[in-house]
């Protein structure tokens, strides 16, 4: 009988001291969409509660249109802001030169506004909505 008590105490401590169940990036979890400069194609961002996900963005220039696939990580910032890191994973030429980090603001849990990457010459922000 003493053995059972010894095993029960560590189990109770483990349950009481377990990791936080709700990560700080949980409000971003889900699928997001933003209109792109490419007709008929939305840009998409998909994040898990742990702040890890993927995105598809389009770089449209007068010379070419490039579909960019990204691995994305999010970190909490101040108040309703988040720092997102976009790392290109696609097969497009010199994909890694399209990597960028950005600050985003979450508004009413339905709109995520992020500073546009440097290669987006005509836009200051990417405005995602839950999709």
N, C-alpha and C. Protein backbone atom coordinates (compact mmCIF):
# COMPACT_ATOMS: atom_id res chain seq x y z
N UNK A 1 0.80 -1.20 0.00
CA UNK A 1 0.00 0.00 0.00
C UNK A 1 0.85 1.27 0.00
N UNK A 2 1.94 1.39 0.70
CA UNK A 2 2.75 2.59 0.68
C UNK A 2 3.26 2.93 -0.72
N UNK A 3 3.49 1.93 -1.52
CA UNK A 3 3.94 2.19 -2.89
C UNK A 3 2.91 2.94 -3.72
N UNK A 4 1.67 2.63 -3.55
CA UNK A 4 0.63 3.32 -4.30
C UNK A 4 0.58 4.80 -3.93
N UNK A 5 0.74 5.13 -2.67
CA UNK A 5 0.75 6.52 -2.27
C UNK A 5 1.94 7.26 -2.85
N UNK A 6 3.07 6.62 -2.91
CA UNK A 6 4.28 7.25 -3.46
C UNK A 6 4.08 7.58 -4.94
N UNK A 7 3.43 6.71 -5.68
CA UNK A 7 3.19 6.96 -7.09
C UNK A 7 2.12 8.03 -7.31
N UNK A 8 1.13 8.09 -6.43
CA UNK A 8 0.04 9.04 -6.61
C UNK A 8 0.48 10.48 -6.38
N UNK A 9 1.37 10.72 -5.46
CA UNK A 9 1.80 12.08 -5.16
C UNK A 9 2.53 12.72 -6.35
N UNK A 10 3.54 12.06 -6.98
CA UNK A 10 4.17 12.69 -8.14
C UNK A 10 3.20 12.94 -9.29
N UNK A 11 2.23 12.07 -9.48
CA UNK A 11 1.25 12.28 -10.55
C UNK A 11 0.43 13.52 -10.31
N UNK A 12 0.02 13.74 -9.07
CA UNK A 12 -0.75 14.93 -8.74
C UNK A 12 0.09 16.18 -8.93
N UNK A 13 1.35 16.14 -8.56
CA UNK A 13 2.23 17.29 -8.75
C UNK A 13 2.44 17.58 -10.23
N UNK A 14 2.58 16.57 -11.02
CA UNK A 14 2.77 16.75 -12.46
C UNK A 14 1.55 17.41 -13.09
N UNK A 15 0.36 17.01 -12.69
CA UNK A 15 -0.85 17.62 -13.22
C UNK A 15 -0.98 19.08 -12.79
N UNK A 16 -0.64 19.38 -11.55
CA UNK A 16 -0.77 20.74 -11.04
C UNK A 16 0.27 21.68 -11.64
N UNK A 17 1.43 21.16 -12.01
CA UNK A 17 2.52 22.00 -12.51
C UNK A 17 2.75 21.87 -14.00
N UNK A 18 1.80 21.33 -14.72
CA UNK A 18 1.96 21.11 -16.16
C UNK A 18 2.08 22.40 -16.94
N UNK A 19 2.43 22.32 -18.24
CA UNK A 19 2.60 23.53 -19.06
C UNK A 19 1.28 24.26 -19.28
N UNK A 20 1.37 25.54 -19.55
CA UNK A 20 0.19 26.36 -19.82
C UNK A 20 -0.55 25.78 -21.03
N UNK A 21 -1.84 25.59 -20.92
CA UNK A 21 -2.61 24.95 -21.98
C UNK A 21 -2.91 25.89 -23.15
N UNK A 22 -2.82 27.20 -22.94
CA UNK A 22 -3.15 28.15 -23.99
C UNK A 22 -1.94 28.99 -24.34
N UNK A 23 -1.26 28.71 -25.47
CA UNK A 23 -0.11 29.52 -25.86
C UNK A 23 -0.52 30.96 -26.17
N UNK A 24 0.41 31.88 -26.03
CA UNK A 24 0.13 33.30 -26.27
C UNK A 24 -0.23 33.58 -27.73
N UNK A 25 0.14 32.67 -28.63
CA UNK A 25 -0.17 32.87 -30.06
C UNK A 25 -1.51 32.23 -30.45
N UNK A 26 -2.23 31.65 -29.50
CA UNK A 26 -3.51 30.98 -29.79
C UNK A 26 -4.52 31.88 -30.51
N UNK A 27 -4.60 33.20 -30.22
CA UNK A 27 -5.58 34.03 -30.94
C UNK A 27 -5.36 34.07 -32.46
N UNK A 28 -4.16 33.74 -32.91
CA UNK A 28 -3.87 33.74 -34.35
C UNK A 28 -4.22 32.44 -35.03
N UNK A 29 -4.53 31.42 -34.26
CA UNK A 29 -4.78 30.09 -34.82
C UNK A 29 -5.93 30.12 -35.81
N UNK A 30 -5.71 29.47 -36.94
CA UNK A 30 -6.75 29.37 -37.95
C UNK A 30 -6.25 29.77 -39.32
N UNK A 31 -7.18 29.89 -40.23
CA UNK A 31 -6.87 30.24 -41.62
C UNK A 31 -7.23 31.69 -41.88
N UNK A 32 -6.32 32.37 -42.56
CA UNK A 32 -6.46 33.79 -42.89
C UNK A 32 -6.32 33.97 -44.39
N UNK A 33 -7.00 34.97 -44.94
CA UNK A 33 -6.92 35.27 -46.38
C UNK A 33 -6.75 36.77 -46.58
N UNK A 34 -6.04 37.09 -47.65
CA UNK A 34 -5.88 38.49 -48.06
C UNK A 34 -5.93 38.54 -49.58
N UNK A 35 -6.55 39.56 -50.14
CA UNK A 35 -6.55 39.69 -51.59
C UNK A 35 -5.12 39.91 -52.09
N UNK A 36 -4.82 39.38 -53.24
CA UNK A 36 -3.49 39.56 -53.82
C UNK A 36 -3.59 40.40 -55.08
N UNK A 37 -2.43 40.82 -55.56
CA UNK A 37 -2.39 41.58 -56.81
C UNK A 37 -2.65 40.67 -58.01
N UNK A 38 -2.63 39.38 -57.79
CA UNK A 38 -2.87 38.40 -58.84
C UNK A 38 -4.37 38.11 -58.90
N UNK A 39 -4.98 38.39 -60.02
CA UNK A 39 -6.41 38.18 -60.16
C UNK A 39 -6.80 36.73 -59.89
N UNK A 40 -7.83 36.55 -59.07
CA UNK A 40 -8.37 35.22 -58.82
C UNK A 40 -7.62 34.39 -57.81
N UNK A 41 -6.62 34.95 -57.15
CA UNK A 41 -5.87 34.17 -56.17
C UNK A 41 -5.73 34.97 -54.87
N UNK A 42 -6.13 34.38 -53.78
CA UNK A 42 -5.93 35.01 -52.48
C UNK A 42 -4.61 34.57 -51.89
N UNK A 43 -4.05 35.43 -51.08
CA UNK A 43 -2.89 35.03 -50.29
C UNK A 43 -3.44 34.38 -49.04
N UNK A 44 -2.76 33.37 -48.55
CA UNK A 44 -3.27 32.63 -47.40
C UNK A 44 -2.20 32.50 -46.33
N UNK A 45 -2.67 32.48 -45.09
CA UNK A 45 -1.84 32.28 -43.92
C UNK A 45 -2.59 31.31 -43.02
N UNK A 46 -1.93 30.26 -42.59
CA UNK A 46 -2.55 29.27 -41.72
C UNK A 46 -1.62 29.03 -40.54
N UNK A 47 -2.14 29.24 -39.33
CA UNK A 47 -1.33 29.09 -38.12
C UNK A 47 -2.00 28.16 -37.12
N UNK A 48 -1.18 27.37 -36.45
CA UNK A 48 -1.64 26.53 -35.35
C UNK A 48 -1.59 27.36 -34.06
N UNK A 49 -2.17 26.83 -32.98
CA UNK A 49 -2.16 27.55 -31.70
C UNK A 49 -0.76 27.82 -31.18
N UNK A 50 0.19 26.96 -31.56
CA UNK A 50 1.56 27.15 -31.07
C UNK A 50 2.34 28.19 -31.87
N UNK A 51 1.69 28.84 -32.83
CA UNK A 51 2.33 29.91 -33.60
C UNK A 51 3.16 29.44 -34.77
N UNK A 52 2.97 28.21 -35.19
CA UNK A 52 3.71 27.65 -36.33
C UNK A 52 2.72 27.39 -37.46
N UNK A 53 3.13 27.71 -38.68
CA UNK A 53 2.21 27.48 -39.79
C UNK A 53 2.87 27.70 -41.14
N UNK A 54 2.04 28.04 -42.11
CA UNK A 54 2.52 28.22 -43.47
C UNK A 54 1.73 29.32 -44.16
N UNK A 55 2.30 29.85 -45.23
CA UNK A 55 1.64 30.92 -45.98
C UNK A 55 1.99 30.80 -47.45
N UNK A 56 1.10 31.32 -48.28
CA UNK A 56 1.34 31.47 -49.71
C UNK A 56 1.10 32.93 -50.05
N UNK A 57 2.15 33.58 -50.56
CA UNK A 57 2.06 34.97 -50.99
C UNK A 57 2.48 35.04 -52.45
N UNK A 58 2.07 36.10 -53.12
CA UNK A 58 2.42 36.28 -54.53
C UNK A 58 3.23 37.57 -54.69
N UNK A 59 4.31 37.46 -55.42
CA UNK A 59 5.09 38.64 -55.79
C UNK A 59 4.79 38.92 -57.25
N UNK A 60 4.13 40.04 -57.49
CA UNK A 60 3.73 40.40 -58.84
C UNK A 60 4.52 41.62 -59.28
N UNK A 61 5.27 41.47 -60.36
CA UNK A 61 6.01 42.59 -60.95
C UNK A 61 5.63 42.70 -62.41
N UNK A 62 6.12 43.72 -63.09
CA UNK A 62 5.82 43.86 -64.51
C UNK A 62 6.48 42.75 -65.33
N UNK A 63 7.53 42.14 -64.78
CA UNK A 63 8.26 41.10 -65.51
C UNK A 63 7.76 39.68 -65.21
N UNK A 64 7.28 39.45 -63.98
CA UNK A 64 6.91 38.07 -63.62
C UNK A 64 6.00 38.05 -62.40
N UNK A 65 5.32 36.92 -62.25
CA UNK A 65 4.54 36.64 -61.05
C UNK A 65 5.15 35.40 -60.40
N UNK A 66 5.45 35.52 -59.12
CA UNK A 66 6.08 34.41 -58.41
C UNK A 66 5.21 34.01 -57.22
N UNK A 67 4.89 32.73 -57.15
CA UNK A 67 4.16 32.19 -56.00
C UNK A 67 5.21 31.79 -54.96
N UNK A 68 5.09 32.34 -53.77
CA UNK A 68 6.06 32.09 -52.71
C UNK A 68 5.41 31.30 -51.58
N UNK A 69 6.01 30.18 -51.24
CA UNK A 69 5.53 29.34 -50.14
C UNK A 69 6.44 29.58 -48.93
N UNK A 70 5.83 29.82 -47.77
CA UNK A 70 6.58 30.16 -46.57
C UNK A 70 6.26 29.24 -45.40
N UNK A 71 7.28 29.00 -44.58
CA UNK A 71 7.09 28.46 -43.23
C UNK A 71 7.00 29.70 -42.35
N UNK A 72 6.01 29.74 -41.47
CA UNK A 72 5.77 30.93 -40.66
C UNK A 72 5.83 30.58 -39.18
N UNK A 73 6.44 31.47 -38.40
CA UNK A 73 6.40 31.35 -36.95
C UNK A 73 5.96 32.69 -36.38
N UNK A 74 5.15 32.63 -35.34
CA UNK A 74 4.63 33.83 -34.69
C UNK A 74 5.08 33.86 -33.24
N UNK A 75 5.39 35.04 -32.76
CA UNK A 75 5.74 35.28 -31.36
C UNK A 75 4.87 36.41 -30.85
N UNK A 76 4.43 36.34 -29.59
CA UNK A 76 3.62 37.43 -29.06
C UNK A 76 4.45 38.70 -28.88
N UNK A 77 3.80 39.83 -29.07
CA UNK A 77 4.43 41.13 -28.85
C UNK A 77 3.69 41.84 -27.74
N UNK A 78 3.63 43.14 -27.80
CA UNK A 78 2.89 43.93 -26.82
C UNK A 78 1.41 43.95 -27.19
N UNK A 79 0.55 43.96 -26.18
CA UNK A 79 -0.90 44.04 -26.36
C UNK A 79 -1.39 43.03 -27.39
N UNK A 80 -1.98 43.49 -28.48
CA UNK A 80 -2.53 42.60 -29.51
C UNK A 80 -1.60 42.54 -30.72
N UNK A 81 -0.30 42.71 -30.51
CA UNK A 81 0.64 42.64 -31.63
C UNK A 81 1.42 41.34 -31.59
N UNK A 82 1.90 40.96 -32.76
CA UNK A 82 2.66 39.72 -32.90
C UNK A 82 3.79 39.95 -33.90
N UNK A 83 4.90 39.27 -33.68
CA UNK A 83 6.01 39.29 -34.64
C UNK A 83 5.93 37.99 -35.44
N UNK A 84 5.82 38.11 -36.76
CA UNK A 84 5.78 36.94 -37.62
C UNK A 84 7.04 36.87 -38.46
N UNK A 85 7.55 35.67 -38.59
CA UNK A 85 8.75 35.41 -39.38
C UNK A 85 8.36 34.52 -40.55
N UNK A 86 8.61 34.99 -41.77
CA UNK A 86 8.29 34.26 -43.00
C UNK A 86 9.59 33.75 -43.62
N UNK A 87 9.74 32.43 -43.75
CA UNK A 87 10.93 31.83 -44.34
C UNK A 87 10.51 31.04 -45.57
N UNK A 88 11.00 31.47 -46.72
CA UNK A 88 10.60 30.90 -48.00
C UNK A 88 11.05 29.44 -48.11
N UNK A 89 10.14 28.59 -48.55
CA UNK A 89 10.41 27.16 -48.70
C UNK A 89 10.17 26.66 -50.11
N UNK A 90 9.78 27.51 -50.99
CA UNK A 90 9.40 27.08 -52.33
C UNK A 90 10.57 26.76 -53.22
N UNK A 91 10.25 26.44 -54.44
CA UNK A 91 11.27 26.08 -55.43
C UNK A 91 11.62 27.23 -56.35
N UNK A 92 11.07 28.41 -56.10
CA UNK A 92 11.36 29.52 -56.99
C UNK A 92 12.81 29.97 -56.85
N UNK A 93 13.35 30.52 -57.91
CA UNK A 93 14.74 30.94 -57.97
C UNK A 93 15.05 31.93 -56.86
N UNK A 94 16.10 31.68 -56.12
CA UNK A 94 16.56 32.53 -55.02
C UNK A 94 15.45 32.81 -54.00
N UNK A 95 14.71 31.79 -53.69
CA UNK A 95 13.58 31.89 -52.77
C UNK A 95 13.98 32.54 -51.45
N UNK A 96 15.13 32.17 -50.92
CA UNK A 96 15.55 32.66 -49.60
C UNK A 96 15.72 34.18 -49.56
N UNK A 97 15.88 34.83 -50.69
CA UNK A 97 15.99 36.29 -50.70
C UNK A 97 14.65 36.96 -50.45
N UNK A 98 13.58 36.18 -50.42
CA UNK A 98 12.24 36.72 -50.17
C UNK A 98 11.82 36.58 -48.71
N UNK A 99 12.72 36.06 -47.85
CA UNK A 99 12.43 35.95 -46.41
C UNK A 99 12.20 37.33 -45.82
N UNK A 100 11.32 37.40 -44.82
CA UNK A 100 11.12 38.67 -44.12
C UNK A 100 10.49 38.45 -42.76
N UNK A 101 10.68 39.43 -41.90
CA UNK A 101 10.06 39.47 -40.58
C UNK A 101 9.14 40.68 -40.56
N UNK A 102 8.02 40.56 -39.86
CA UNK A 102 7.05 41.64 -39.86
C UNK A 102 6.34 41.74 -38.53
N UNK A 103 5.80 42.90 -38.26
CA UNK A 103 4.95 43.13 -37.09
C UNK A 103 3.50 43.12 -37.55
N UNK A 104 2.65 42.46 -36.78
CA UNK A 104 1.24 42.37 -37.13
C UNK A 104 0.37 42.78 -35.93
N UNK A 105 -0.78 43.34 -36.23
CA UNK A 105 -1.74 43.73 -35.20
C UNK A 105 -3.03 42.95 -35.41
N UNK A 106 -3.53 42.36 -34.33
CA UNK A 106 -4.80 41.62 -34.37
C UNK A 106 -5.91 42.57 -33.94
N UNK A 107 -6.92 42.71 -34.79
CA UNK A 107 -8.04 43.60 -34.53
C UNK A 107 -9.33 42.79 -34.45
N UNK A 108 -9.99 42.82 -33.32
CA UNK A 108 -11.29 42.15 -33.13
C UNK A 108 -11.28 40.67 -33.49
N UNK A 109 -10.17 40.01 -33.41
CA UNK A 109 -10.04 38.58 -33.73
C UNK A 109 -10.45 38.22 -35.15
N UNK A 110 -10.73 39.22 -36.00
CA UNK A 110 -11.16 38.92 -37.36
C UNK A 110 -10.25 39.52 -38.42
N UNK A 111 -9.35 40.41 -38.01
CA UNK A 111 -8.48 41.09 -38.98
C UNK A 111 -7.06 41.11 -38.42
N UNK A 112 -6.12 40.67 -39.24
CA UNK A 112 -4.70 40.66 -38.89
C UNK A 112 -3.97 41.52 -39.92
N UNK A 113 -3.47 42.66 -39.48
CA UNK A 113 -2.81 43.59 -40.38
C UNK A 113 -1.31 43.52 -40.14
N UNK A 114 -0.56 43.17 -41.19
CA UNK A 114 0.88 43.00 -41.10
C UNK A 114 1.61 43.99 -42.00
N UNK A 115 2.75 44.48 -41.53
CA UNK A 115 3.58 45.33 -42.38
C UNK A 115 3.99 44.51 -43.60
N UNK A 116 3.92 45.10 -44.76
CA UNK A 116 4.26 44.39 -46.00
C UNK A 116 5.77 44.18 -46.09
N UNK A 117 6.18 43.10 -46.76
CA UNK A 117 7.62 42.85 -46.94
C UNK A 117 8.25 43.92 -47.84
N UNK A 118 9.56 44.09 -47.77
CA UNK A 118 10.24 45.11 -48.57
C UNK A 118 10.03 44.95 -50.08
N UNK A 119 9.85 43.73 -50.55
CA UNK A 119 9.70 43.53 -51.99
C UNK A 119 8.31 43.94 -52.50
N UNK A 120 7.43 44.30 -51.59
CA UNK A 120 6.09 44.76 -51.98
C UNK A 120 6.11 46.27 -52.10
N UNK A 121 6.44 46.74 -53.25
CA UNK A 121 6.72 48.16 -53.45
C UNK A 121 5.49 49.07 -53.34
N UNK A 122 4.33 48.59 -53.72
CA UNK A 122 3.14 49.45 -53.77
C UNK A 122 2.20 49.29 -52.59
N UNK A 123 2.57 48.48 -51.61
CA UNK A 123 1.68 48.23 -50.49
C UNK A 123 2.43 48.38 -49.17
N UNK A 124 1.78 49.00 -48.20
CA UNK A 124 2.37 49.16 -46.88
C UNK A 124 2.02 48.01 -45.95
N UNK A 125 0.86 47.38 -46.18
CA UNK A 125 0.39 46.31 -45.29
C UNK A 125 -0.22 45.17 -46.09
N UNK A 126 -0.30 44.02 -45.42
CA UNK A 126 -1.09 42.89 -45.90
C UNK A 126 -2.22 42.75 -44.87
N UNK A 127 -3.45 42.87 -45.31
CA UNK A 127 -4.60 42.82 -44.41
C UNK A 127 -5.30 41.47 -44.57
N UNK A 128 -5.03 40.57 -43.62
CA UNK A 128 -5.64 39.24 -43.62
C UNK A 128 -6.97 39.30 -42.86
N UNK A 129 -7.94 38.52 -43.29
CA UNK A 129 -9.18 38.32 -42.55
C UNK A 129 -9.37 36.83 -42.37
N UNK A 130 -10.09 36.48 -41.35
CA UNK A 130 -10.33 35.03 -41.12
C UNK A 130 -11.07 34.47 -42.32
N UNK A 131 -10.56 33.35 -42.80
CA UNK A 131 -11.18 32.80 -43.99
C UNK A 131 -11.49 31.39 -43.85
